Amino acid sequence: MSGQRPSAMSTGEALKFLMEGNARYAAGNPTPRDLPAERAALVDGQSPKAGVLSCSDSRVVPELIFDQGPGQLFVGRVAGNVLVPAVLASLEFGVAFLGLRLIVVMGHSSCEALKAAIRHFEGEDVPSGHIAGLLREIEPALIRARKVETGDLLANLCAENVRQQVAGLRASPLIVGEGSGEPEVQVVGALYDLVSGEVSLLDPPEV
């Protein structure tokens, strides 16, 4: 992976770092920051601690949610946090050139894109353009969510959609490595609750 910068943190340490930051955010106790100084320190390069694939929902801002400053997260955002080709390429870039060793796929409660997918596949029309194509990316997760016998359909879809995107990332040789040993990058799923501000891990990994 030419150009790669090795991370100073293990995947376990990076995940712990993010979850501790989320605890501060949820408690309303974010880290005080000297943003001009932080900005100046990043002019010549970056070494983000983790990558995040999240929804483009205006209420979901990974840097705030994990209490991170500039240069700490390498973020891809798209409605429904789906792994469209450009987002996959961006995260692959983060691994190959920035040394990412942890990627978090973060869905969230009350996701408008997932609500639209449910309505669309129940027969409701969507506006012209590329929206229908985006919603089709969510359809396999919706099919699985409908088979879950307990819980709310939207919540189940959120979880299944995160699992789908995690699987997509884990299928990328650039991300997991091309050898037969341990994966080079840990990919984990997470769910963000809009009410509490808390992030919970989905199918928590052993890191």
N, C-alpha and C. Protein backbone atom coordinates (compact mmCIF):
# COMPACT_ATOMS: atom_id res chain seq x y z
N MET A 1 0.85 -1.20 0.00
CA MET A 1 0.00 0.00 0.00
C MET A 1 0.88 1.24 0.00
N SER A 2 1.32 1.65 -1.16
CA SER A 2 2.27 2.75 -1.29
C SER A 2 1.70 4.05 -0.75
N GLY A 3 2.53 4.80 -0.03
CA GLY A 3 2.11 6.09 0.50
C GLY A 3 1.48 6.00 1.87
N GLN A 4 1.29 4.81 2.38
CA GLN A 4 0.58 4.60 3.63
C GLN A 4 1.36 5.11 4.84
N ARG A 5 0.64 5.75 5.77
CA ARG A 5 1.25 6.21 7.00
C ARG A 5 0.79 5.31 8.14
N PRO A 6 1.68 4.60 8.81
CA PRO A 6 1.25 3.70 9.87
C PRO A 6 0.58 4.45 11.01
N SER A 7 -0.49 3.86 11.54
CA SER A 7 -1.19 4.49 12.65
C SER A 7 -0.45 4.25 13.96
N ALA A 8 -0.47 5.27 14.83
CA ALA A 8 0.18 5.14 16.13
C ALA A 8 -0.68 4.36 17.10
N MET A 9 -1.95 4.16 16.78
CA MET A 9 -2.88 3.46 17.66
C MET A 9 -3.24 2.10 17.09
N SER A 10 -3.43 1.13 17.97
CA SER A 10 -4.02 -0.13 17.54
C SER A 10 -5.50 0.11 17.27
N THR A 11 -6.15 -0.86 16.60
CA THR A 11 -7.58 -0.69 16.33
C THR A 11 -8.38 -0.64 17.63
N GLY A 12 -7.98 -1.45 18.60
CA GLY A 12 -8.68 -1.43 19.88
C GLY A 12 -8.55 -0.10 20.59
N GLU A 13 -7.35 0.47 20.56
CA GLU A 13 -7.13 1.77 21.18
C GLU A 13 -7.91 2.86 20.47
N ALA A 14 -7.94 2.80 19.14
CA ALA A 14 -8.67 3.81 18.37
C ALA A 14 -10.17 3.74 18.65
N LEU A 15 -10.71 2.53 18.73
CA LEU A 15 -12.14 2.39 19.02
C LEU A 15 -12.45 2.89 20.42
N LYS A 16 -11.61 2.56 21.37
CA LYS A 16 -11.80 3.05 22.73
C LYS A 16 -11.75 4.57 22.77
N PHE A 17 -10.83 5.15 22.02
CA PHE A 17 -10.68 6.60 21.94
C PHE A 17 -11.96 7.25 21.43
N LEU A 18 -12.55 6.66 20.39
CA LEU A 18 -13.79 7.20 19.84
C LEU A 18 -14.95 7.07 20.82
N MET A 19 -15.06 5.92 21.46
CA MET A 19 -16.19 5.70 22.38
C MET A 19 -16.08 6.60 23.61
N GLU A 20 -14.86 6.85 24.06
CA GLU A 20 -14.69 7.80 25.16
C GLU A 20 -15.09 9.20 24.74
N GLY A 21 -14.76 9.55 23.50
CA GLY A 21 -15.17 10.85 22.98
C GLY A 21 -16.68 10.96 22.89
N ASN A 22 -17.34 9.88 22.47
CA ASN A 22 -18.79 9.91 22.41
C ASN A 22 -19.41 10.06 23.78
N ALA A 23 -18.82 9.43 24.79
CA ALA A 23 -19.33 9.58 26.16
C ALA A 23 -19.26 11.04 26.60
N ARG A 24 -18.19 11.73 26.24
CA ARG A 24 -18.08 13.15 26.57
C ARG A 24 -19.15 13.95 25.85
N TYR A 25 -19.34 13.66 24.57
CA TYR A 25 -20.35 14.37 23.78
C TYR A 25 -21.75 14.17 24.35
N ALA A 26 -22.09 12.91 24.63
CA ALA A 26 -23.43 12.60 25.14
C ALA A 26 -23.68 13.27 26.49
N ALA A 27 -22.62 13.42 27.29
CA ALA A 27 -22.75 14.05 28.60
C ALA A 27 -22.71 15.58 28.52
N GLY A 28 -22.49 16.12 27.32
CA GLY A 28 -22.40 17.56 27.17
C GLY A 28 -21.12 18.15 27.73
N ASN A 29 -20.04 17.34 27.67
CA ASN A 29 -18.75 17.76 28.24
C ASN A 29 -17.64 17.62 27.20
N PRO A 30 -17.76 18.30 26.04
CA PRO A 30 -16.76 18.13 24.99
C PRO A 30 -15.41 18.73 25.37
N THR A 31 -14.38 18.27 24.68
CA THR A 31 -13.03 18.75 24.92
C THR A 31 -12.87 20.20 24.45
N PRO A 32 -12.35 21.10 25.30
CA PRO A 32 -12.05 22.47 24.84
C PRO A 32 -10.98 22.42 23.75
N ARG A 33 -11.14 23.24 22.72
CA ARG A 33 -10.21 23.15 21.60
C ARG A 33 -9.68 24.54 21.21
N ASP A 34 -8.42 24.54 20.83
CA ASP A 34 -7.79 25.72 20.23
C ASP A 34 -7.79 25.47 18.72
N LEU A 35 -8.90 25.77 18.07
CA LEU A 35 -9.06 25.40 16.67
C LEU A 35 -8.03 26.06 15.75
N PRO A 36 -7.68 27.33 15.94
CA PRO A 36 -6.63 27.89 15.07
C PRO A 36 -5.31 27.13 15.16
N ALA A 37 -4.93 26.73 16.37
CA ALA A 37 -3.68 25.98 16.53
C ALA A 37 -3.80 24.59 15.92
N GLU A 38 -4.94 23.93 16.13
CA GLU A 38 -5.13 22.61 15.55
C GLU A 38 -5.11 22.69 14.02
N ARG A 39 -5.74 23.70 13.49
CA ARG A 39 -5.77 23.87 12.04
C ARG A 39 -4.36 24.09 11.49
N ALA A 40 -3.59 24.93 12.15
CA ALA A 40 -2.23 25.23 11.69
C ALA A 40 -1.35 23.99 11.72
N ALA A 41 -1.56 23.11 12.70
CA ALA A 41 -0.72 21.92 12.84
C ALA A 41 -0.97 20.90 11.74
N LEU A 42 -2.06 21.06 11.00
CA LEU A 42 -2.43 20.07 10.00
C LEU A 42 -2.12 20.48 8.57
N VAL A 43 -1.50 21.63 8.42
CA VAL A 43 -1.27 22.15 7.07
C VAL A 43 -0.43 21.20 6.23
N ASP A 44 0.55 20.57 6.84
CA ASP A 44 1.49 19.74 6.08
C ASP A 44 1.11 18.27 6.00
N GLY A 45 -0.01 17.87 6.60
CA GLY A 45 -0.40 16.46 6.52
C GLY A 45 -1.43 16.08 7.55
N GLN A 46 -1.88 14.83 7.46
CA GLN A 46 -2.90 14.32 8.37
C GLN A 46 -2.63 12.87 8.71
N SER A 47 -3.02 12.47 9.91
CA SER A 47 -2.93 11.08 10.35
C SER A 47 -4.19 10.75 11.15
N PRO A 48 -5.33 10.64 10.48
CA PRO A 48 -6.58 10.40 11.20
C PRO A 48 -6.55 9.09 11.97
N LYS A 49 -7.25 9.10 13.09
CA LYS A 49 -7.28 7.92 13.96
C LYS A 49 -8.21 6.84 13.45
N ALA A 50 -9.24 7.23 12.66
CA ALA A 50 -10.22 6.26 12.19
C ALA A 50 -10.97 6.82 10.99
N GLY A 51 -11.54 5.93 10.20
CA GLY A 51 -12.46 6.32 9.16
C GLY A 51 -13.88 6.10 9.65
N VAL A 52 -14.80 6.90 9.15
CA VAL A 52 -16.21 6.76 9.51
C VAL A 52 -17.06 6.86 8.26
N LEU A 53 -17.94 5.89 8.06
CA LEU A 53 -18.97 5.97 7.04
C LEU A 53 -20.28 6.28 7.74
N SER A 54 -20.84 7.45 7.47
CA SER A 54 -22.07 7.83 8.16
C SER A 54 -23.06 8.44 7.18
N CYS A 55 -24.25 8.68 7.68
CA CYS A 55 -25.31 9.31 6.90
C CYS A 55 -25.02 10.80 6.74
N SER A 56 -25.50 11.38 5.65
CA SER A 56 -25.33 12.82 5.44
C SER A 56 -26.38 13.64 6.16
N ASP A 57 -27.21 13.00 6.96
CA ASP A 57 -28.22 13.67 7.78
C ASP A 57 -27.59 14.83 8.55
N SER A 58 -28.23 16.00 8.52
CA SER A 58 -27.66 17.19 9.15
C SER A 58 -27.53 17.07 10.65
N ARG A 59 -28.23 16.09 11.25
CA ARG A 59 -28.19 15.91 12.70
C ARG A 59 -27.07 14.96 13.12
N VAL A 60 -26.38 14.40 12.15
CA VAL A 60 -25.37 13.36 12.42
C VAL A 60 -24.02 13.86 11.93
N VAL A 61 -23.21 14.39 12.86
CA VAL A 61 -21.90 14.96 12.52
C VAL A 61 -20.83 14.16 13.27
N PRO A 62 -20.14 13.24 12.60
CA PRO A 62 -19.22 12.34 13.31
C PRO A 62 -18.20 13.05 14.19
N GLU A 63 -17.63 14.16 13.70
CA GLU A 63 -16.61 14.85 14.50
C GLU A 63 -17.18 15.33 15.83
N LEU A 64 -18.42 15.80 15.83
CA LEU A 64 -19.06 16.21 17.08
C LEU A 64 -19.42 15.00 17.93
N ILE A 65 -20.02 14.00 17.29
CA ILE A 65 -20.52 12.82 18.01
C ILE A 65 -19.39 12.10 18.74
N PHE A 66 -18.20 12.06 18.14
CA PHE A 66 -17.06 11.39 18.77
C PHE A 66 -16.11 12.37 19.44
N ASP A 67 -16.51 13.65 19.53
CA ASP A 67 -15.72 14.69 20.19
C ASP A 67 -14.29 14.72 19.66
N GLN A 68 -14.19 14.86 18.35
CA GLN A 68 -12.88 14.90 17.69
C GLN A 68 -12.69 16.24 16.99
N GLY A 69 -11.46 16.69 16.93
CA GLY A 69 -11.14 17.92 16.25
C GLY A 69 -10.71 17.69 14.81
N PRO A 70 -10.26 18.75 14.15
CA PRO A 70 -9.78 18.61 12.77
C PRO A 70 -8.66 17.58 12.65
N GLY A 71 -8.70 16.81 11.58
CA GLY A 71 -7.63 15.86 11.31
C GLY A 71 -7.74 14.53 12.04
N GLN A 72 -8.76 14.34 12.87
CA GLN A 72 -8.85 13.11 13.66
C GLN A 72 -9.66 12.01 12.98
N LEU A 73 -10.64 12.39 12.15
CA LEU A 73 -11.48 11.40 11.49
C LEU A 73 -11.45 11.61 9.98
N PHE A 74 -11.46 10.51 9.25
CA PHE A 74 -11.57 10.53 7.80
C PHE A 74 -12.98 10.05 7.47
N VAL A 75 -13.85 10.97 7.06
CA VAL A 75 -15.29 10.71 7.04
C VAL A 75 -15.85 10.67 5.62
N GLY A 76 -16.65 9.63 5.35
CA GLY A 76 -17.45 9.56 4.14
C GLY A 76 -18.91 9.63 4.53
N ARG A 77 -19.66 10.56 3.93
CA ARG A 77 -21.06 10.73 4.30
C ARG A 77 -21.93 10.64 3.06
N VAL A 78 -22.99 9.86 3.16
CA VAL A 78 -23.95 9.72 2.07
C VAL A 78 -25.29 9.33 2.69
N ALA A 79 -26.38 9.80 2.12
CA ALA A 79 -27.70 9.49 2.67
C ALA A 79 -27.87 7.99 2.85
N GLY A 80 -28.28 7.58 4.04
CA GLY A 80 -28.46 6.17 4.34
C GLY A 80 -27.17 5.43 4.63
N ASN A 81 -26.06 6.15 4.75
CA ASN A 81 -24.73 5.55 4.97
C ASN A 81 -24.50 4.29 4.15
N VAL A 82 -24.81 4.40 2.84
CA VAL A 82 -24.62 3.26 1.95
C VAL A 82 -23.26 3.36 1.26
N LEU A 83 -22.72 2.21 0.92
CA LEU A 83 -21.35 2.13 0.40
C LEU A 83 -21.37 2.27 -1.13
N VAL A 84 -21.69 3.44 -1.61
CA VAL A 84 -21.65 3.69 -3.05
C VAL A 84 -20.19 3.72 -3.50
N PRO A 85 -19.92 3.49 -4.80
CA PRO A 85 -18.54 3.33 -5.26
C PRO A 85 -17.60 4.47 -4.87
N ALA A 86 -18.03 5.71 -4.96
CA ALA A 86 -17.13 6.82 -4.63
C ALA A 86 -16.76 6.83 -3.16
N VAL A 87 -17.69 6.43 -2.30
CA VAL A 87 -17.41 6.38 -0.87
C VAL A 87 -16.46 5.23 -0.57
N LEU A 88 -16.68 4.07 -1.19
CA LEU A 88 -15.76 2.94 -1.02
C LEU A 88 -14.36 3.34 -1.47
N ALA A 89 -14.26 4.00 -2.61
CA ALA A 89 -12.95 4.43 -3.10
C ALA A 89 -12.29 5.40 -2.12
N SER A 90 -13.08 6.29 -1.52
CA SER A 90 -12.53 7.25 -0.57
C SER A 90 -11.96 6.54 0.65
N LEU A 91 -12.70 5.55 1.17
CA LEU A 91 -12.22 4.83 2.34
C LEU A 91 -11.01 3.96 2.00
N GLU A 92 -11.02 3.39 0.80
CA GLU A 92 -9.84 2.66 0.35
C GLU A 92 -8.63 3.60 0.28
N PHE A 93 -8.85 4.81 -0.17
CA PHE A 93 -7.78 5.81 -0.21
C PHE A 93 -7.26 6.08 1.21
N GLY A 94 -8.18 6.19 2.17
CA GLY A 94 -7.78 6.44 3.55
C GLY A 94 -6.91 5.32 4.10
N VAL A 95 -7.22 4.11 3.71
CA VAL A 95 -6.42 2.97 4.15
C VAL A 95 -5.06 2.97 3.45
N ALA A 96 -5.07 3.15 2.13
CA ALA A 96 -3.85 3.02 1.34
C ALA A 96 -2.88 4.17 1.56
N PHE A 97 -3.39 5.38 1.76
CA PHE A 97 -2.52 6.54 1.79
C PHE A 97 -2.43 7.23 3.16
N LEU A 98 -3.42 6.99 4.03
CA LEU A 98 -3.41 7.65 5.33
C LEU A 98 -3.22 6.68 6.49
N GLY A 99 -3.14 5.40 6.18
CA GLY A 99 -2.85 4.41 7.22
C GLY A 99 -4.02 4.08 8.13
N LEU A 100 -5.26 4.28 7.68
CA LEU A 100 -6.40 3.93 8.53
C LEU A 100 -6.35 2.46 8.91
N ARG A 101 -6.62 2.17 10.19
CA ARG A 101 -6.69 0.79 10.66
C ARG A 101 -8.05 0.47 11.28
N LEU A 102 -8.91 1.47 11.37
CA LEU A 102 -10.25 1.28 11.92
C LEU A 102 -11.24 2.08 11.08
N ILE A 103 -12.33 1.42 10.66
CA ILE A 103 -13.42 2.10 9.98
C ILE A 103 -14.71 1.76 10.71
N VAL A 104 -15.46 2.79 11.09
CA VAL A 104 -16.74 2.63 11.77
C VAL A 104 -17.86 2.97 10.79
N VAL A 105 -18.78 2.05 10.59
CA VAL A 105 -19.99 2.30 9.81
C VAL A 105 -21.09 2.66 10.80
N MET A 106 -21.57 3.90 10.74
CA MET A 106 -22.50 4.38 11.76
C MET A 106 -23.86 4.74 11.17
N GLY A 107 -24.86 3.91 11.48
CA GLY A 107 -26.24 4.27 11.18
C GLY A 107 -26.82 5.08 12.32
N HIS A 108 -28.06 5.55 12.14
CA HIS A 108 -28.64 6.36 13.22
C HIS A 108 -30.15 6.22 13.26
N SER A 109 -30.71 6.53 14.40
CA SER A 109 -32.16 6.45 14.59
C SER A 109 -32.88 7.47 13.73
N SER A 110 -34.12 7.16 13.39
CA SER A 110 -35.00 8.06 12.65
C SER A 110 -34.38 8.55 11.34
N CYS A 111 -33.70 7.65 10.63
CA CYS A 111 -33.01 8.00 9.39
C CYS A 111 -34.03 8.26 8.28
N GLU A 112 -33.99 9.46 7.71
CA GLU A 112 -34.95 9.83 6.67
C GLU A 112 -34.74 9.00 5.40
N ALA A 113 -33.50 8.68 5.07
CA ALA A 113 -33.24 7.88 3.87
C ALA A 113 -33.82 6.48 4.02
N LEU A 114 -33.70 5.90 5.21
CA LEU A 114 -34.27 4.57 5.43
C LEU A 114 -35.79 4.62 5.43
N LYS A 115 -36.36 5.68 5.98
CA LYS A 115 -37.83 5.85 5.92
C LYS A 115 -38.28 5.93 4.47
N ALA A 116 -37.53 6.68 3.66
CA ALA A 116 -37.88 6.81 2.24
C ALA A 116 -37.79 5.47 1.53
N ALA A 117 -36.78 4.66 1.89
CA ALA A 117 -36.64 3.33 1.28
C ALA A 117 -37.84 2.45 1.61
N ILE A 118 -38.29 2.49 2.84
CA ILE A 118 -39.45 1.70 3.24
C ILE A 118 -40.67 2.14 2.43
N ARG A 119 -40.90 3.45 2.34
CA ARG A 119 -42.06 3.96 1.59
C ARG A 119 -41.95 3.61 0.11
N HIS A 120 -40.74 3.73 -0.43
CA HIS A 120 -40.54 3.47 -1.85
C HIS A 120 -40.86 2.03 -2.20
N PHE A 121 -40.41 1.11 -1.38
CA PHE A 121 -40.63 -0.29 -1.69
C PHE A 121 -42.00 -0.79 -1.24
N GLU A 122 -42.77 0.13 -0.65
CA GLU A 122 -44.19 -0.15 -0.42
C GLU A 122 -45.04 0.45 -1.52
N GLY A 123 -44.39 1.06 -2.54
CA GLY A 123 -45.10 1.54 -3.71
C GLY A 123 -45.16 3.04 -3.89
N GLU A 124 -44.61 3.80 -2.96
CA GLU A 124 -44.64 5.25 -3.09
C GLU A 124 -43.57 5.71 -4.07
N ASP A 125 -43.94 6.62 -4.95
CA ASP A 125 -43.00 7.15 -5.93
C ASP A 125 -41.98 8.06 -5.24
N VAL A 126 -40.80 8.17 -5.86
CA VAL A 126 -39.79 9.11 -5.39
C VAL A 126 -39.49 10.08 -6.51
N PRO A 127 -38.94 11.25 -6.19
CA PRO A 127 -38.61 12.22 -7.25
C PRO A 127 -37.65 11.63 -8.27
N SER A 128 -37.66 12.22 -9.47
CA SER A 128 -36.74 11.76 -10.51
C SER A 128 -35.31 12.11 -10.12
N GLY A 129 -34.39 11.60 -10.90
CA GLY A 129 -32.98 11.81 -10.58
C GLY A 129 -32.36 10.51 -10.12
N HIS A 130 -31.40 10.60 -9.20
CA HIS A 130 -30.66 9.42 -8.76
C HIS A 130 -31.17 8.86 -7.44
N ILE A 131 -32.26 9.41 -6.91
CA ILE A 131 -32.72 8.99 -5.59
C ILE A 131 -33.14 7.52 -5.58
N ALA A 132 -33.88 7.09 -6.60
CA ALA A 132 -34.32 5.69 -6.64
C ALA A 132 -33.14 4.74 -6.64
N GLY A 133 -32.06 5.11 -7.35
CA GLY A 133 -30.87 4.26 -7.36
C GLY A 133 -30.24 4.16 -5.99
N LEU A 134 -30.23 5.26 -5.26
CA LEU A 134 -29.69 5.23 -3.90
C LEU A 134 -30.53 4.32 -3.01
N LEU A 135 -31.85 4.43 -3.13
CA LEU A 135 -32.73 3.61 -2.29
C LEU A 135 -32.61 2.13 -2.63
N ARG A 136 -32.31 1.82 -3.89
CA ARG A 136 -32.12 0.41 -4.26
C ARG A 136 -30.93 -0.21 -3.53
N GLU A 137 -29.95 0.62 -3.18
CA GLU A 137 -28.81 0.11 -2.42
C GLU A 137 -29.23 -0.39 -1.04
N ILE A 138 -30.36 0.11 -0.55
CA ILE A 138 -30.85 -0.25 0.79
C ILE A 138 -31.78 -1.46 0.74
N GLU A 139 -32.28 -1.78 -0.44
CA GLU A 139 -33.30 -2.84 -0.56
C GLU A 139 -32.89 -4.18 0.03
N PRO A 140 -31.65 -4.69 -0.20
CA PRO A 140 -31.31 -5.99 0.40
C PRO A 140 -31.42 -5.99 1.92
N ALA A 141 -31.02 -4.89 2.55
CA ALA A 141 -31.14 -4.80 4.01
C ALA A 141 -32.60 -4.77 4.42
N LEU A 142 -33.45 -4.11 3.64
CA LEU A 142 -34.87 -4.05 3.96
C LEU A 142 -35.51 -5.43 3.87
N ILE A 143 -35.11 -6.21 2.88
CA ILE A 143 -35.63 -7.57 2.76
C ILE A 143 -35.30 -8.39 4.01
N ARG A 144 -34.07 -8.25 4.50
CA ARG A 144 -33.68 -8.97 5.71
C ARG A 144 -34.41 -8.42 6.94
N ALA A 145 -34.56 -7.10 7.00
CA ALA A 145 -35.23 -6.50 8.16
C ALA A 145 -36.67 -6.94 8.27
N ARG A 146 -37.33 -7.14 7.15
CA ARG A 146 -38.74 -7.58 7.17
C ARG A 146 -38.88 -8.99 7.73
N LYS A 147 -37.80 -9.75 7.71
CA LYS A 147 -37.85 -11.13 8.22
C LYS A 147 -37.62 -11.20 9.72
N VAL A 148 -37.20 -10.09 10.32
CA VAL A 148 -36.98 -10.07 11.76
C VAL A 148 -38.34 -10.01 12.45
N GLU A 149 -38.57 -10.94 13.35
CA GLU A 149 -39.92 -11.09 13.91
C GLU A 149 -40.19 -10.18 15.10
N THR A 150 -39.18 -9.56 15.65
CA THR A 150 -39.38 -8.68 16.80
C THR A 150 -38.83 -7.30 16.49
N GLY A 151 -39.33 -6.31 17.22
CA GLY A 151 -38.80 -4.96 17.09
C GLY A 151 -39.46 -4.16 16.00
N ASP A 152 -39.04 -2.92 15.89
CA ASP A 152 -39.56 -1.95 14.94
C ASP A 152 -38.87 -2.10 13.59
N LEU A 153 -39.62 -2.00 12.50
CA LEU A 153 -39.05 -2.20 11.18
C LEU A 153 -37.93 -1.20 10.89
N LEU A 154 -38.12 0.08 11.21
CA LEU A 154 -37.10 1.08 10.93
C LEU A 154 -35.82 0.79 11.71
N ALA A 155 -35.96 0.45 12.98
CA ALA A 155 -34.78 0.14 13.79
C ALA A 155 -34.08 -1.11 13.26
N ASN A 156 -34.86 -2.12 12.88
CA ASN A 156 -34.27 -3.34 12.33
C ASN A 156 -33.57 -3.05 11.00
N LEU A 157 -34.18 -2.19 10.19
CA LEU A 157 -33.56 -1.83 8.92
C LEU A 157 -32.25 -1.08 9.15
N CYS A 158 -32.23 -0.20 10.13
CA CYS A 158 -31.00 0.54 10.44
C CYS A 158 -29.87 -0.43 10.76
N ALA A 159 -30.15 -1.42 11.58
CA ALA A 159 -29.12 -2.39 11.96
C ALA A 159 -28.69 -3.24 10.77
N GLU A 160 -29.68 -3.73 9.99
CA GLU A 160 -29.34 -4.57 8.85
C GLU A 160 -28.58 -3.80 7.79
N ASN A 161 -28.92 -2.54 7.62
CA ASN A 161 -28.22 -1.71 6.64
C ASN A 161 -26.76 -1.49 7.06
N VAL A 162 -26.53 -1.26 8.34
CA VAL A 162 -25.15 -1.13 8.81
C VAL A 162 -24.39 -2.42 8.56
N ARG A 163 -25.01 -3.55 8.88
CA ARG A 163 -24.33 -4.85 8.65
C ARG A 163 -24.00 -5.03 7.18
N GLN A 164 -24.90 -4.59 6.30
CA GLN A 164 -24.67 -4.72 4.86
C GLN A 164 -23.46 -3.91 4.42
N GLN A 165 -23.34 -2.70 4.94
CA GLN A 165 -22.20 -1.85 4.55
C GLN A 165 -20.89 -2.35 5.16
N VAL A 166 -20.96 -2.88 6.37
CA VAL A 166 -19.78 -3.49 6.99
C VAL A 166 -19.28 -4.65 6.11
N ALA A 167 -20.23 -5.48 5.66
CA ALA A 167 -19.86 -6.62 4.81
C ALA A 167 -19.24 -6.14 3.51
N GLY A 168 -19.77 -5.06 2.96
CA GLY A 168 -19.21 -4.52 1.72
C GLY A 168 -17.78 -4.05 1.89
N LEU A 169 -17.50 -3.38 2.99
CA LEU A 169 -16.14 -2.93 3.25
C LEU A 169 -15.21 -4.12 3.48
N ARG A 170 -15.70 -5.11 4.20
CA ARG A 170 -14.86 -6.28 4.48
C ARG A 170 -14.58 -7.09 3.23
N ALA A 171 -15.34 -6.85 2.17
CA ALA A 171 -15.11 -7.57 0.91
C ALA A 171 -14.07 -6.89 0.04
N SER A 172 -13.59 -5.72 0.44
CA SER A 172 -12.61 -5.00 -0.36
C SER A 172 -11.20 -5.46 -0.03
N PRO A 173 -10.48 -6.02 -1.00
CA PRO A 173 -9.10 -6.46 -0.74
C PRO A 173 -8.20 -5.32 -0.27
N LEU A 174 -8.42 -4.10 -0.76
CA LEU A 174 -7.60 -2.98 -0.34
C LEU A 174 -7.79 -2.67 1.15
N ILE A 175 -8.96 -2.99 1.68
CA ILE A 175 -9.25 -2.67 3.07
C ILE A 175 -8.85 -3.82 4.00
N VAL A 176 -9.20 -5.03 3.65
CA VAL A 176 -8.92 -6.15 4.56
C VAL A 176 -7.58 -6.80 4.29
N GLY A 177 -6.93 -6.43 3.19
CA GLY A 177 -5.66 -7.05 2.86
C GLY A 177 -5.85 -8.23 1.94
N GLU A 178 -4.85 -8.53 1.19
CA GLU A 178 -4.95 -9.59 0.19
C GLU A 178 -4.34 -10.91 0.65
N GLY A 179 -3.74 -10.91 1.84
CA GLY A 179 -3.14 -12.14 2.34
C GLY A 179 -4.15 -13.00 3.08
N SER A 180 -3.66 -14.06 3.68
CA SER A 180 -4.53 -15.00 4.38
C SER A 180 -4.48 -14.81 5.89
N GLY A 181 -3.71 -13.80 6.36
CA GLY A 181 -3.59 -13.59 7.79
C GLY A 181 -4.71 -12.74 8.35
N GLU A 182 -4.44 -12.08 9.48
CA GLU A 182 -5.45 -11.22 10.10
C GLU A 182 -5.76 -10.02 9.21
N PRO A 183 -7.04 -9.58 9.20
CA PRO A 183 -7.38 -8.39 8.41
C PRO A 183 -6.52 -7.20 8.81
N GLU A 184 -6.13 -6.41 7.81
CA GLU A 184 -5.29 -5.25 8.08
C GLU A 184 -6.09 -4.11 8.70
N VAL A 185 -7.39 -4.09 8.44
CA VAL A 185 -8.25 -3.01 8.92
C VAL A 185 -9.46 -3.61 9.63
N GLN A 186 -9.77 -3.08 10.81
CA GLN A 186 -10.96 -3.52 11.54
C GLN A 186 -12.15 -2.67 11.09
N VAL A 187 -13.22 -3.31 10.65
CA VAL A 187 -14.45 -2.62 10.25
C VAL A 187 -15.54 -2.99 11.25
N VAL A 188 -16.11 -1.99 11.89
CA VAL A 188 -17.13 -2.25 12.92
C VAL A 188 -18.39 -1.45 12.61
N GLY A 189 -19.52 -1.98 13.04
CA GLY A 189 -20.80 -1.31 12.88
C GLY A 189 -21.22 -0.62 14.17
N ALA A 190 -21.93 0.48 14.03
CA ALA A 190 -22.38 1.24 15.19
C ALA A 190 -23.72 1.90 14.90
N LEU A 191 -24.45 2.21 15.96
CA LEU A 191 -25.74 2.87 15.86
C LEU A 191 -25.73 4.11 16.74
N TYR A 192 -26.14 5.24 16.18
CA TYR A 192 -26.19 6.50 16.91
C TYR A 192 -27.64 6.85 17.23
N ASP A 193 -27.89 7.17 18.48
CA ASP A 193 -29.24 7.54 18.93
C ASP A 193 -29.38 9.05 18.98
N LEU A 194 -30.30 9.59 18.20
CA LEU A 194 -30.46 11.04 18.13
C LEU A 194 -30.88 11.65 19.46
N VAL A 195 -31.64 10.91 20.26
CA VAL A 195 -32.16 11.45 21.51
C VAL A 195 -31.07 11.52 22.58
N SER A 196 -30.38 10.42 22.81
CA SER A 196 -29.40 10.37 23.89
C SER A 196 -28.03 10.89 23.47
N GLY A 197 -27.76 10.88 22.16
CA GLY A 197 -26.43 11.25 21.69
C GLY A 197 -25.41 10.13 21.81
N GLU A 198 -25.87 8.95 22.20
CA GLU A 198 -24.95 7.84 22.46
C GLU A 198 -24.77 6.95 21.22
N VAL A 199 -23.56 6.46 21.06
CA VAL A 199 -23.23 5.48 20.03
C VAL A 199 -23.09 4.11 20.68
N SER A 200 -23.76 3.13 20.13
CA SER A 200 -23.60 1.75 20.61
C SER A 200 -23.04 0.90 19.48
N LEU A 201 -22.16 -0.03 19.84
CA LEU A 201 -21.57 -0.90 18.84
C LEU A 201 -22.55 -1.99 18.46
N LEU A 202 -22.61 -2.28 17.20
CA LEU A 202 -23.45 -3.35 16.66
C LEU A 202 -22.57 -4.57 16.44
N ASP A 203 -22.95 -5.70 17.03
CA ASP A 203 -22.13 -6.91 16.95
C ASP A 203 -20.69 -6.58 17.35
N PRO A 204 -20.47 -6.16 18.61
CA PRO A 204 -19.17 -5.65 19.03
C PRO A 204 -18.03 -6.60 18.66
N PRO A 205 -16.96 -6.04 18.09
CA PRO A 205 -15.82 -6.87 17.67
C PRO A 205 -14.89 -7.15 18.82
N GLU A 206 -14.04 -8.13 18.62
CA GLU A 206 -12.95 -8.38 19.56
C GLU A 206 -11.72 -7.69 19.00
N VAL A 207 -11.34 -6.58 19.60
CA VAL A 207 -10.17 -5.83 19.12
C VAL A 207 -9.20 -5.61 20.24
